[in-house]
Amino acid sequence: AYARTGRSGDAAKMFTAAMNSNRSFDLVLADGQVMNSRTAA
């Protein structure tokens, strides 16, 4: 949402935080693909 509203720096911070989170799990993406949250981030 940040990226789409032009807040690229905030978007990068969110993606980085998700990659570095101590939690991770599989996600079902909008296209139906299943991917680990760290990989998706």
PDB file of all heavy atoms in Angstrom:
ATOM      1  N   ALA A   1       0.836  -1.208   0.000  1.00  0.00           N
ATOM      2  CA  ALA A   1       0.000   0.000   0.000  1.00  0.00           C
ATOM      3  C   ALA A   1       0.867   1.253   0.000  1.00  0.00           C
ATOM      4  O   ALA A   1       0.572   2.217  -0.717  1.00  0.00           O
ATOM      5  CB  ALA A   1      -0.939  -0.024   1.207  1.00  0.00           C
ATOM      6  N   TYR A   2       1.939   1.247   0.777  1.00  0.00           N
ATOM      7  CA  TYR A   2       2.858   2.388   0.774  1.00  0.00           C
ATOM      8  C   TYR A   2       3.457   2.590  -0.625  1.00  0.00           C
ATOM      9  O   TYR A   2       3.530   3.708  -1.127  1.00  0.00           O
ATOM     10  CB  TYR A   2       3.993   2.176   1.767  1.00  0.00           C
ATOM     11  CG  TYR A   2       3.673   2.440   3.221  1.00  0.00           C
ATOM     12  CD1 TYR A   2       4.409   1.824   4.221  1.00  0.00           C
ATOM     13  CD2 TYR A   2       2.651   3.310   3.608  1.00  0.00           C
ATOM     14  CE1 TYR A   2       4.159   2.071   5.562  1.00  0.00           C
ATOM     15  CE2 TYR A   2       2.394   3.558   4.954  1.00  0.00           C
ATOM     16  CZ  TYR A   2       3.147   2.938   5.920  1.00  0.00           C
ATOM     17  OH  TYR A   2       2.897   3.189   7.246  1.00  0.00           O
ATOM     18  N   ALA A   3       3.907   1.518  -1.238  1.00  0.00           N
ATOM     19  CA  ALA A   3       4.515   1.627  -2.562  1.00  0.00           C
ATOM     20  C   ALA A   3       3.531   2.224  -3.560  1.00  0.00           C
ATOM     21  O   ALA A   3       3.895   3.073  -4.381  1.00  0.00           O
ATOM     22  CB  ALA A   3       5.000   0.256  -3.038  1.00  0.00           C
ATOM     23  N   ARG A   4       2.298   1.802  -3.489  1.00  0.00           N
ATOM     24  CA  ARG A   4       1.280   2.288  -4.425  1.00  0.00           C
ATOM     25  C   ARG A   4       0.907   3.744  -4.182  1.00  0.00           C
ATOM     26  O   ARG A   4       0.371   4.392  -5.064  1.00  0.00           O
ATOM     27  CB  ARG A   4       0.027   1.437  -4.319  1.00  0.00           C
ATOM     28  CG  ARG A   4       0.204   0.016  -4.797  1.00  0.00           C
ATOM     29  CD  ARG A   4      -1.094  -0.696  -4.560  1.00  0.00           C
ATOM     30  NE  ARG A   4      -1.069  -2.068  -5.003  1.00  0.00           N
ATOM     31  CZ  ARG A   4      -2.144  -2.823  -5.021  1.00  0.00           C
ATOM     32  NH1 ARG A   4      -3.314  -2.337  -4.632  1.00  0.00           N
ATOM     33  NH2 ARG A   4      -2.067  -4.062  -5.435  1.00  0.00           N
ATOM     34  N   THR A   5       1.141   4.238  -2.972  1.00  0.00           N
ATOM     35  CA  THR A   5       0.818   5.632  -2.675  1.00  0.00           C
ATOM     36  C   THR A   5       2.054   6.520  -2.724  1.00  0.00           C
ATOM     37  O   THR A   5       2.026   7.654  -2.256  1.00  0.00           O
ATOM     38  CB  THR A   5       0.124   5.760  -1.294  1.00  0.00           C
ATOM     39  OG1 THR A   5       0.961   5.200  -0.287  1.00  0.00           O
ATOM     40  CG2 THR A   5      -1.233   5.081  -1.291  1.00  0.00           C
ATOM     41  N   GLY A   6       3.144   5.994  -3.277  1.00  0.00           N
ATOM     42  CA  GLY A   6       4.341   6.794  -3.477  1.00  0.00           C
ATOM     43  C   GLY A   6       5.281   6.864  -2.293  1.00  0.00           C
ATOM     44  O   GLY A   6       6.251   7.618  -2.316  1.00  0.00           O
ATOM     45  N   ARG A   7       5.027   6.090  -1.269  1.00  0.00           N
ATOM     46  CA  ARG A   7       5.871   6.103  -0.071  1.00  0.00           C
ATOM     47  C   ARG A   7       6.886   4.966  -0.148  1.00  0.00           C
ATOM     48  O   ARG A   7       6.889   4.035   0.654  1.00  0.00           O
ATOM     49  CB  ARG A   7       4.993   5.992   1.168  1.00  0.00           C
ATOM     50  CG  ARG A   7       4.066   7.198   1.340  1.00  0.00           C
ATOM     51  CD  ARG A   7       3.068   7.032   2.452  1.00  0.00           C
ATOM     52  NE  ARG A   7       3.701   6.862   3.764  1.00  0.00           N
ATOM     53  CZ  ARG A   7       3.019   6.700   4.885  1.00  0.00           C
ATOM     54  NH1 ARG A   7       1.695   6.688   4.869  1.00  0.00           N
ATOM     55  NH2 ARG A   7       3.651   6.542   6.029  1.00  0.00           N
ATOM     56  N   SER A   8       7.793   5.051  -1.106  1.00  0.00           N
ATOM     57  CA  SER A   8       8.746   3.971  -1.386  1.00  0.00           C
ATOM     58  C   SER A   8       9.651   3.660  -0.206  1.00  0.00           C
ATOM     59  O   SER A   8       9.943   2.493   0.069  1.00  0.00           O
ATOM     60  CB  SER A   8       9.593   4.315  -2.607  1.00  0.00           C
ATOM     61  OG  SER A   8       8.770   4.492  -3.727  1.00  0.00           O
ATOM     62  N   GLY A   9      10.118   4.684   0.491  1.00  0.00           N
ATOM     63  CA  GLY A   9      10.988   4.452   1.646  1.00  0.00           C
ATOM     64  C   GLY A   9      10.277   3.677   2.742  1.00  0.00           C
ATOM     65  O   GLY A   9      10.844   2.745   3.323  1.00  0.00           O
ATOM     66  N   ASP A  10       9.037   4.058   3.015  1.00  0.00           N
ATOM     67  CA  ASP A  10       8.250   3.335   4.021  1.00  0.00           C
ATOM     68  C   ASP A  10       7.962   1.909   3.564  1.00  0.00           C
ATOM     69  O   ASP A  10       7.965   0.979   4.367  1.00  0.00           O
ATOM     70  CB  ASP A  10       6.939   4.072   4.298  1.00  0.00           C
ATOM     71  CG  ASP A  10       7.147   5.387   5.035  1.00  0.00           C
ATOM     72  OD1 ASP A  10       8.122   5.496   5.809  1.00  0.00           O
ATOM     73  OD2 ASP A  10       6.330   6.304   4.840  1.00  0.00           O
ATOM     74  N   ALA A  11       7.713   1.742   2.260  1.00  0.00           N
ATOM     75  CA  ALA A  11       7.473   0.403   1.715  1.00  0.00           C
ATOM     76  C   ALA A  11       8.695  -0.481   1.935  1.00  0.00           C
ATOM     77  O   ALA A  11       8.583  -1.614   2.406  1.00  0.00           O
ATOM     78  CB  ALA A  11       7.132   0.481   0.230  1.00  0.00           C
ATOM     79  N   ALA A  12       9.870   0.055   1.623  1.00  0.00           N
ATOM     80  CA  ALA A  12      11.112  -0.714   1.791  1.00  0.00           C
ATOM     81  C   ALA A  12      11.308  -1.109   3.252  1.00  0.00           C
ATOM     82  O   ALA A  12      11.724  -2.247   3.548  1.00  0.00           O
ATOM     83  CB  ALA A  12      12.303   0.095   1.287  1.00  0.00           C
ATOM     84  N   LYS A  13      10.984  -0.205   4.180  1.00  0.00           N
ATOM     85  CA  LYS A  13      11.113  -0.517   5.609  1.00  0.00           C
ATOM     86  C   LYS A  13      10.185  -1.665   6.003  1.00  0.00           C
ATOM     87  O   LYS A  13      10.580  -2.546   6.773  1.00  0.00           O
ATOM     88  CB  LYS A  13      10.790   0.717   6.448  1.00  0.00           C
ATOM     89  CG  LYS A  13      11.866   1.776   6.396  1.00  0.00           C
ATOM     90  CD  LYS A  13      11.450   2.999   7.191  1.00  0.00           C
ATOM     91  CE  LYS A  13      12.451   4.118   7.001  1.00  0.00           C
ATOM     92  NZ  LYS A  13      12.014   5.369   7.651  1.00  0.00           N
ATOM     93  N   MET A  14       8.964  -1.655   5.487  1.00  0.00           N
ATOM     94  CA  MET A  14       8.021  -2.723   5.820  1.00  0.00           C
ATOM     95  C   MET A  14       8.480  -4.067   5.262  1.00  0.00           C
ATOM     96  O   MET A  14       8.434  -5.083   5.959  1.00  0.00           O
ATOM     97  CB  MET A  14       6.618  -2.403   5.291  1.00  0.00           C
ATOM     98  CG  MET A  14       5.872  -1.351   6.070  1.00  0.00           C
ATOM     99  SD  MET A  14       5.449  -1.893   7.744  1.00  0.00           S
ATOM    100  CE  MET A  14       6.611  -0.916   8.691  1.00  0.00           C
ATOM    101  N   PHE A  15       8.922  -4.083   4.000  1.00  0.00           N
ATOM    102  CA  PHE A  15       9.389  -5.337   3.402  1.00  0.00           C
ATOM    103  C   PHE A  15      10.611  -5.870   4.156  1.00  0.00           C
ATOM    104  O   PHE A  15      10.712  -7.064   4.426  1.00  0.00           O
ATOM    105  CB  PHE A  15       9.717  -5.149   1.922  1.00  0.00           C
ATOM    106  CG  PHE A  15       8.546  -4.739   1.073  1.00  0.00           C
ATOM    107  CD1 PHE A  15       8.720  -3.871   0.013  1.00  0.00           C
ATOM    108  CD2 PHE A  15       7.265  -5.217   1.316  1.00  0.00           C
ATOM    109  CE1 PHE A  15       7.647  -3.486  -0.783  1.00  0.00           C
ATOM    110  CE2 PHE A  15       6.187  -4.847   0.532  1.00  0.00           C
ATOM    111  CZ  PHE A  15       6.382  -3.976  -0.522  1.00  0.00           C
ATOM    112  N   THR A  16      11.526  -4.979   4.510  1.00  0.00           N
ATOM    113  CA  THR A  16      12.731  -5.382   5.249  1.00  0.00           C
ATOM    114  C   THR A  16      12.356  -5.927   6.628  1.00  0.00           C
ATOM    115  O   THR A  16      12.896  -6.945   7.066  1.00  0.00           O
ATOM    116  CB  THR A  16      13.706  -4.203   5.368  1.00  0.00           C
ATOM    117  OG1 THR A  16      14.063  -3.767   4.043  1.00  0.00           O
ATOM    118  CG2 THR A  16      14.961  -4.592   6.126  1.00  0.00           C
ATOM    119  N   ALA A  17      11.421  -5.260   7.293  1.00  0.00           N
ATOM    120  CA  ALA A  17      10.974  -5.737   8.610  1.00  0.00           C
ATOM    121  C   ALA A  17      10.341  -7.118   8.507  1.00  0.00           C
ATOM    122  O   ALA A  17      10.577  -7.982   9.354  1.00  0.00           O
ATOM    123  CB  ALA A  17       9.991  -4.735   9.223  1.00  0.00           C
ATOM    124  N   ALA A  18       9.563  -7.351   7.453  1.00  0.00           N
ATOM    125  CA  ALA A  18       8.945  -8.675   7.261  1.00  0.00           C
ATOM    126  C   ALA A  18      10.003  -9.736   6.984  1.00  0.00           C
ATOM    127  O   ALA A  18       9.904 -10.861   7.482  1.00  0.00           O
ATOM    128  CB  ALA A  18       7.928  -8.624   6.126  1.00  0.00           C
ATOM    129  N   MET A  19      11.021  -9.375   6.203  1.00  0.00           N
ATOM    130  CA  MET A  19      12.109 -10.324   5.915  1.00  0.00           C
ATOM    131  C   MET A  19      12.867 -10.688   7.184  1.00  0.00           C
ATOM    132  O   MET A  19      13.275 -11.835   7.366  1.00  0.00           O
ATOM    133  CB  MET A  19      13.104  -9.715   4.908  1.00  0.00           C
ATOM    134  CG  MET A  19      12.619  -9.697   3.498  1.00  0.00           C
ATOM    135  SD  MET A  19      13.698  -8.761   2.357  1.00  0.00           S
ATOM    136  CE  MET A  19      15.323  -9.001   2.985  1.00  0.00           C
ATOM    137  N   ASN A  20      13.063  -9.708   8.064  1.00  0.00           N
ATOM    138  CA  ASN A  20      13.874  -9.903   9.262  1.00  0.00           C
ATOM    139  C   ASN A  20      13.059 -10.298  10.492  1.00  0.00           C
ATOM    140  O   ASN A  20      13.619 -10.461  11.575  1.00  0.00           O
ATOM    141  CB  ASN A  20      14.659  -8.628   9.569  1.00  0.00           C
ATOM    142  CG  ASN A  20      15.664  -8.326   8.485  1.00  0.00           C
ATOM    143  OD1 ASN A  20      16.203  -9.219   7.848  1.00  0.00           O
ATOM    144  ND2 ASN A  20      15.908  -7.042   8.246  1.00  0.00           N
ATOM    145  N   SER A  21      11.766 -10.455  10.324  1.00  0.00           N
ATOM    146  CA  SER A  21      10.891 -10.795  11.444  1.00  0.00           C
ATOM    147  C   SER A  21      11.288 -12.135  12.055  1.00  0.00           C
ATOM    148  O   SER A  21      11.751 -13.040  11.356  1.00  0.00           O
ATOM    149  CB  SER A  21       9.442 -10.872  10.954  1.00  0.00           C
ATOM    150  OG  SER A  21       8.600 -11.333  11.974  1.00  0.00           O
ATOM    151  N   ASN A  22      11.083 -12.255  13.363  1.00  0.00           N
ATOM    152  CA  ASN A  22      11.353 -13.547  14.010  1.00  0.00           C
ATOM    153  C   ASN A  22      10.222 -14.534  13.737  1.00  0.00           C
ATOM    154  O   ASN A  22      10.303 -15.682  14.133  1.00  0.00           O
ATOM    155  CB  ASN A  22      11.591 -13.370  15.511  1.00  0.00           C
ATOM    156  CG  ASN A  22      10.392 -12.793  16.237  1.00  0.00           C
ATOM    157  OD1 ASN A  22       9.386 -12.425  15.629  1.00  0.00           O
ATOM    158  ND2 ASN A  22      10.504 -12.696  17.551  1.00  0.00           N
ATOM    159  N   ARG A  23       9.171 -14.077  13.056  1.00  0.00           N
ATOM    160  CA  ARG A  23       8.052 -14.940  12.658  1.00  0.00           C
ATOM    161  C   ARG A  23       8.070 -15.091  11.147  1.00  0.00           C
ATOM    162  O   ARG A  23       8.349 -14.147  10.426  1.00  0.00           O
ATOM    163  CB  ARG A  23       6.720 -14.304  13.059  1.00  0.00           C
ATOM    164  CG  ARG A  23       6.538 -14.120  14.531  1.00  0.00           C
ATOM    165  CD  ARG A  23       5.244 -13.402  14.855  1.00  0.00           C
ATOM    166  NE  ARG A  23       4.110 -14.116  14.302  1.00  0.00           N
ATOM    167  CZ  ARG A  23       2.956 -13.541  14.022  1.00  0.00           C
ATOM    168  NH1 ARG A  23       2.775 -12.256  14.224  1.00  0.00           N
ATOM    169  NH2 ARG A  23       1.953 -14.248  13.535  1.00  0.00           N
ATOM    170  N   SER A  24       7.765 -16.279  10.689  1.00  0.00           N
ATOM    171  CA  SER A  24       7.558 -16.488   9.257  1.00  0.00           C
ATOM    172  C   SER A  24       6.585 -17.638   9.093  1.00  0.00           C
ATOM    173  O   SER A  24       6.490 -18.516   9.951  1.00  0.00           O
ATOM    174  CB  SER A  24       8.869 -16.784   8.518  1.00  0.00           C
ATOM    175  OG  SER A  24       9.323 -18.079   8.779  1.00  0.00           O
ATOM    176  N   PHE A  25       5.842 -17.599   8.017  1.00  0.00           N
ATOM    177  CA  PHE A  25       4.871 -18.643   7.721  1.00  0.00           C
ATOM    178  C   PHE A  25       4.552 -18.584   6.250  1.00  0.00           C
ATOM    179  O   PHE A  25       4.937 -17.645   5.551  1.00  0.00           O
ATOM    180  CB  PHE A  25       3.597 -18.492   8.569  1.00  0.00           C
ATOM    181  CG  PHE A  25       3.134 -17.074   8.752  1.00  0.00           C
ATOM    182  CD1 PHE A  25       2.431 -16.419   7.745  1.00  0.00           C
ATOM    183  CD2 PHE A  25       3.406 -16.395   9.919  1.00  0.00           C
ATOM    184  CE1 PHE A  25       2.008 -15.111   7.902  1.00  0.00           C
ATOM    185  CE2 PHE A  25       2.985 -15.077  10.088  1.00  0.00           C
ATOM    186  CZ  PHE A  25       2.283 -14.444   9.074  1.00  0.00           C
ATOM    187  N   ASP A  26       3.876 -19.609   5.771  1.00  0.00           N
ATOM    188  CA  ASP A  26       3.487 -19.652   4.376  1.00  0.00           C
ATOM    189  C   ASP A  26       2.285 -18.751   4.144  1.00  0.00           C
ATOM    190  O   ASP A  26       1.381 -18.687   4.970  1.00  0.00           O
ATOM    191  CB  ASP A  26       3.162 -21.078   3.938  1.00  0.00           C
ATOM    192  CG  ASP A  26       4.405 -21.935   3.813  1.00  0.00           C
ATOM    193  OD1 ASP A  26       5.526 -21.392   3.750  1.00  0.00           O
ATOM    194  OD2 ASP A  26       4.251 -23.164   3.779  1.00  0.00           O
ATOM    195  N   LEU A  27       2.308 -18.071   3.009  1.00  0.00           N
ATOM    196  CA  LEU A  27       1.231 -17.182   2.604  1.00  0.00           C
ATOM    197  C   LEU A  27       0.645 -17.674   1.296  1.00  0.00           C
ATOM    198  O   LEU A  27       1.365 -18.213   0.460  1.00  0.00           O
ATOM    199  CB  LEU A  27       1.773 -15.764   2.371  1.00  0.00           C
ATOM    200  CG  LEU A  27       2.538 -15.116   3.508  1.00  0.00           C
ATOM    201  CD1 LEU A  27       3.200 -13.832   3.036  1.00  0.00           C
ATOM    202  CD2 LEU A  27       1.613 -14.844   4.666  1.00  0.00           C
ATOM    203  N   VAL A  28      -0.636 -17.473   1.110  1.00  0.00           N
ATOM    204  CA  VAL A  28      -1.258 -17.706  -0.181  1.00  0.00           C
ATOM    205  C   VAL A  28      -1.356 -16.336  -0.836  1.00  0.00           C
ATOM    206  O   VAL A  28      -2.043 -15.441  -0.336  1.00  0.00           O
ATOM    207  CB  VAL A  28      -2.659 -18.344  -0.053  1.00  0.00           C
ATOM    208  CG1 VAL A  28      -3.277 -18.531  -1.427  1.00  0.00           C
ATOM    209  CG2 VAL A  28      -2.577 -19.673   0.683  1.00  0.00           C
ATOM    210  N   LEU A  29      -0.649 -16.152  -1.937  1.00  0.00           N
ATOM    211  CA  LEU A  29      -0.627 -14.868  -2.615  1.00  0.00           C
ATOM    212  C   LEU A  29      -1.903 -14.655  -3.415  1.00  0.00           C
ATOM    213  O   LEU A  29      -2.702 -15.574  -3.595  1.00  0.00           O
ATOM    214  CB  LEU A  29       0.598 -14.788  -3.535  1.00  0.00           C
ATOM    215  CG  LEU A  29       1.946 -15.065  -2.867  1.00  0.00           C
ATOM    216  CD1 LEU A  29       3.064 -14.900  -3.871  1.00  0.00           C
ATOM    217  CD2 LEU A  29       2.165 -14.183  -1.654  1.00  0.00           C
ATOM    218  N   ALA A  30      -2.077 -13.459  -3.912  1.00  0.00           N
ATOM    219  CA  ALA A  30      -3.289 -13.110  -4.657  1.00  0.00           C
ATOM    220  C   ALA A  30      -3.486 -14.005  -5.875  1.00  0.00           C
ATOM    221  O   ALA A  30      -4.610 -14.246  -6.292  1.00  0.00           O
ATOM    222  CB  ALA A  30      -3.241 -11.649  -5.078  1.00  0.00           C
ATOM    223  N   ASP A  31      -2.395 -14.519  -6.434  1.00  0.00           N
ATOM    224  CA  ASP A  31      -2.513 -15.381  -7.617  1.00  0.00           C
ATOM    225  C   ASP A  31      -2.654 -16.857  -7.250  1.00  0.00           C
ATOM    226  O   ASP A  31      -2.647 -17.723  -8.118  1.00  0.00           O
ATOM    227  CB  ASP A  31      -1.323 -15.178  -8.550  1.00  0.00           C
ATOM    228  CG  ASP A  31      -0.002 -15.638  -7.958  1.00  0.00           C
ATOM    229  OD1 ASP A  31       0.044 -16.044  -6.778  1.00  0.00           O
ATOM    230  OD2 ASP A  31       1.010 -15.579  -8.682  1.00  0.00           O
ATOM    231  N   GLY A  32      -2.775 -17.159  -5.949  1.00  0.00           N
ATOM    232  CA  GLY A  32      -2.948 -18.537  -5.507  1.00  0.00           C
ATOM    233  C   GLY A  32      -1.652 -19.249  -5.172  1.00  0.00           C
ATOM    234  O   GLY A  32      -1.667 -20.340  -4.610  1.00  0.00           O
ATOM    235  N   GLN A  33      -0.528 -18.657  -5.483  1.00  0.00           N
ATOM    236  CA  GLN A  33       0.781 -19.231  -5.207  1.00  0.00           C
ATOM    237  C   GLN A  33       1.043 -19.239  -3.693  1.00  0.00           C
ATOM    238  O   GLN A  33       0.695 -18.289  -3.001  1.00  0.00           O
ATOM    239  CB  GLN A  33       1.821 -18.359  -5.927  1.00  0.00           C
ATOM    240  CG  GLN A  33       3.210 -18.830  -5.870  1.00  0.00           C
ATOM    241  CD  GLN A  33       4.142 -17.888  -6.630  1.00  0.00           C
ATOM    242  OE1 GLN A  33       5.301 -18.197  -6.719  1.00  0.00           O
ATOM    243  NE2 GLN A  33       3.709 -16.781  -7.159  1.00  0.00           N
ATOM    244  N   VAL A  34       1.657 -20.287  -3.182  1.00  0.00           N
ATOM    245  CA  VAL A  34       2.016 -20.374  -1.772  1.00  0.00           C
ATOM    246  C   VAL A  34       3.510 -20.080  -1.648  1.00  0.00           C
ATOM    247  O   VAL A  34       4.326 -20.648  -2.378  1.00  0.00           O
ATOM    248  CB  VAL A  34       1.693 -21.767  -1.189  1.00  0.00           C
ATOM    249  CG1 VAL A  34       2.143 -21.869   0.262  1.00  0.00           C
ATOM    250  CG2 VAL A  34       0.205 -22.061  -1.313  1.00  0.00           C
ATOM    251  N   MET A  35       3.833 -19.180  -0.711  1.00  0.00           N
ATOM    252  CA  MET A  35       5.224 -18.750  -0.561  1.00  0.00           C
ATOM    253  C   MET A  35       5.482 -18.380   0.897  1.00  0.00           C
ATOM    254  O   MET A  35       4.609 -17.844   1.576  1.00  0.00           O
ATOM    255  CB  MET A  35       5.452 -17.523  -1.462  1.00  0.00           C
ATOM    256  CG  MET A  35       6.858 -17.004  -1.480  1.00  0.00           C
ATOM    257  SD  MET A  35       7.002 -15.566  -2.597  1.00  0.00           S
ATOM    258  CE  MET A  35       6.621 -16.316  -4.163  1.00  0.00           C
ATOM    259  N   ASN A  36       6.685 -18.627   1.369  1.00  0.00           N
ATOM    260  CA  ASN A  36       7.078 -18.231   2.713  1.00  0.00           C
ATOM    261  C   ASN A  36       7.072 -16.707   2.808  1.00  0.00           C
ATOM    262  O   ASN A  36       7.440 -16.012   1.867  1.00  0.00           O
ATOM    263  CB  ASN A  36       8.464 -18.775   3.047  1.00  0.00           C
ATOM    264  CG  ASN A  36       8.884 -18.411   4.448  1.00  0.00           C
ATOM    265  OD1 ASN A  36       9.485 -17.362   4.664  1.00  0.00           O
ATOM    266  ND2 ASN A  36       8.551 -19.262   5.404  1.00  0.00           N
ATOM    267  N   SER A  37       6.665 -16.184   3.963  1.00  0.00           N
ATOM    268  CA  SER A  37       6.554 -14.740   4.135  1.00  0.00           C
ATOM    269  C   SER A  37       7.887 -14.022   3.935  1.00  0.00           C
ATOM    270  O   SER A  37       7.926 -12.922   3.368  1.00  0.00           O
ATOM    271  CB  SER A  37       5.974 -14.397   5.511  1.00  0.00           C
ATOM    272  OG  SER A  37       6.755 -14.935   6.557  1.00  0.00           O
ATOM    273  N   ARG A  38       8.981 -14.626   4.340  1.00  0.00           N
ATOM    274  CA  ARG A  38      10.293 -13.979   4.137  1.00  0.00           C
ATOM    275  C   ARG A  38      10.633 -13.885   2.649  1.00  0.00           C
ATOM    276  O   ARG A  38      11.145 -12.875   2.174  1.00  0.00           O
ATOM    277  CB  ARG A  38      11.379 -14.749   4.883  1.00  0.00           C
ATOM    278  CG  ARG A  38      11.305 -14.553   6.367  1.00  0.00           C
ATOM    279  CD  ARG A  38      12.524 -15.119   7.090  1.00  0.00           C
ATOM    280  NE  ARG A  38      12.396 -14.854   8.505  1.00  0.00           N
ATOM    281  CZ  ARG A  38      12.226 -15.778   9.430  1.00  0.00           C
ATOM    282  NH1 ARG A  38      12.188 -17.057   9.098  1.00  0.00           N
ATOM    283  NH2 ARG A  38      12.113 -15.443  10.702  1.00  0.00           N
ATOM    284  N   THR A  39      10.339 -14.939   1.922  1.00  0.00           N
ATOM    285  CA  THR A  39      10.581 -14.935   0.482  1.00  0.00           C
ATOM    286  C   THR A  39       9.693 -13.908  -0.208  1.00  0.00           C
ATOM    287  O   THR A  39      10.155 -13.161  -1.075  1.00  0.00           O
ATOM    288  CB  THR A  39      10.340 -16.338  -0.107  1.00  0.00           C
ATOM    289  OG1 THR A  39      11.186 -17.273   0.568  1.00  0.00           O
ATOM    290  CG2 THR A  39      10.603 -16.370  -1.592  1.00  0.00           C
ATOM    291  N   ALA A  40       8.429 -13.855   0.180  1.00  0.00           N
ATOM    292  CA  ALA A  40       7.500 -12.887  -0.410  1.00  0.00           C
ATOM    293  C   ALA A  40       7.970 -11.459  -0.152  1.00  0.00           C
ATOM    294  O   ALA A  40       7.934 -10.611  -1.053  1.00  0.00           O
ATOM    295  CB  ALA A  40       6.095 -13.095   0.142  1.00  0.00           C
ATOM    296  N   ALA A  41       8.428 -11.190   1.057  1.00  0.00           N
ATOM    297  CA  ALA A  41       8.921  -9.855   1.393  1.00  0.00           C
ATOM    298  C   ALA A  41      10.170  -9.513   0.592  1.00  0.00           C
ATOM    299  O   ALA A  41      10.326  -8.391   0.103  1.00  0.00           O
ATOM    300  CB  ALA A  41       9.205  -9.767   2.886  1.00  0.00           C
TER     301      ALA A  41
END
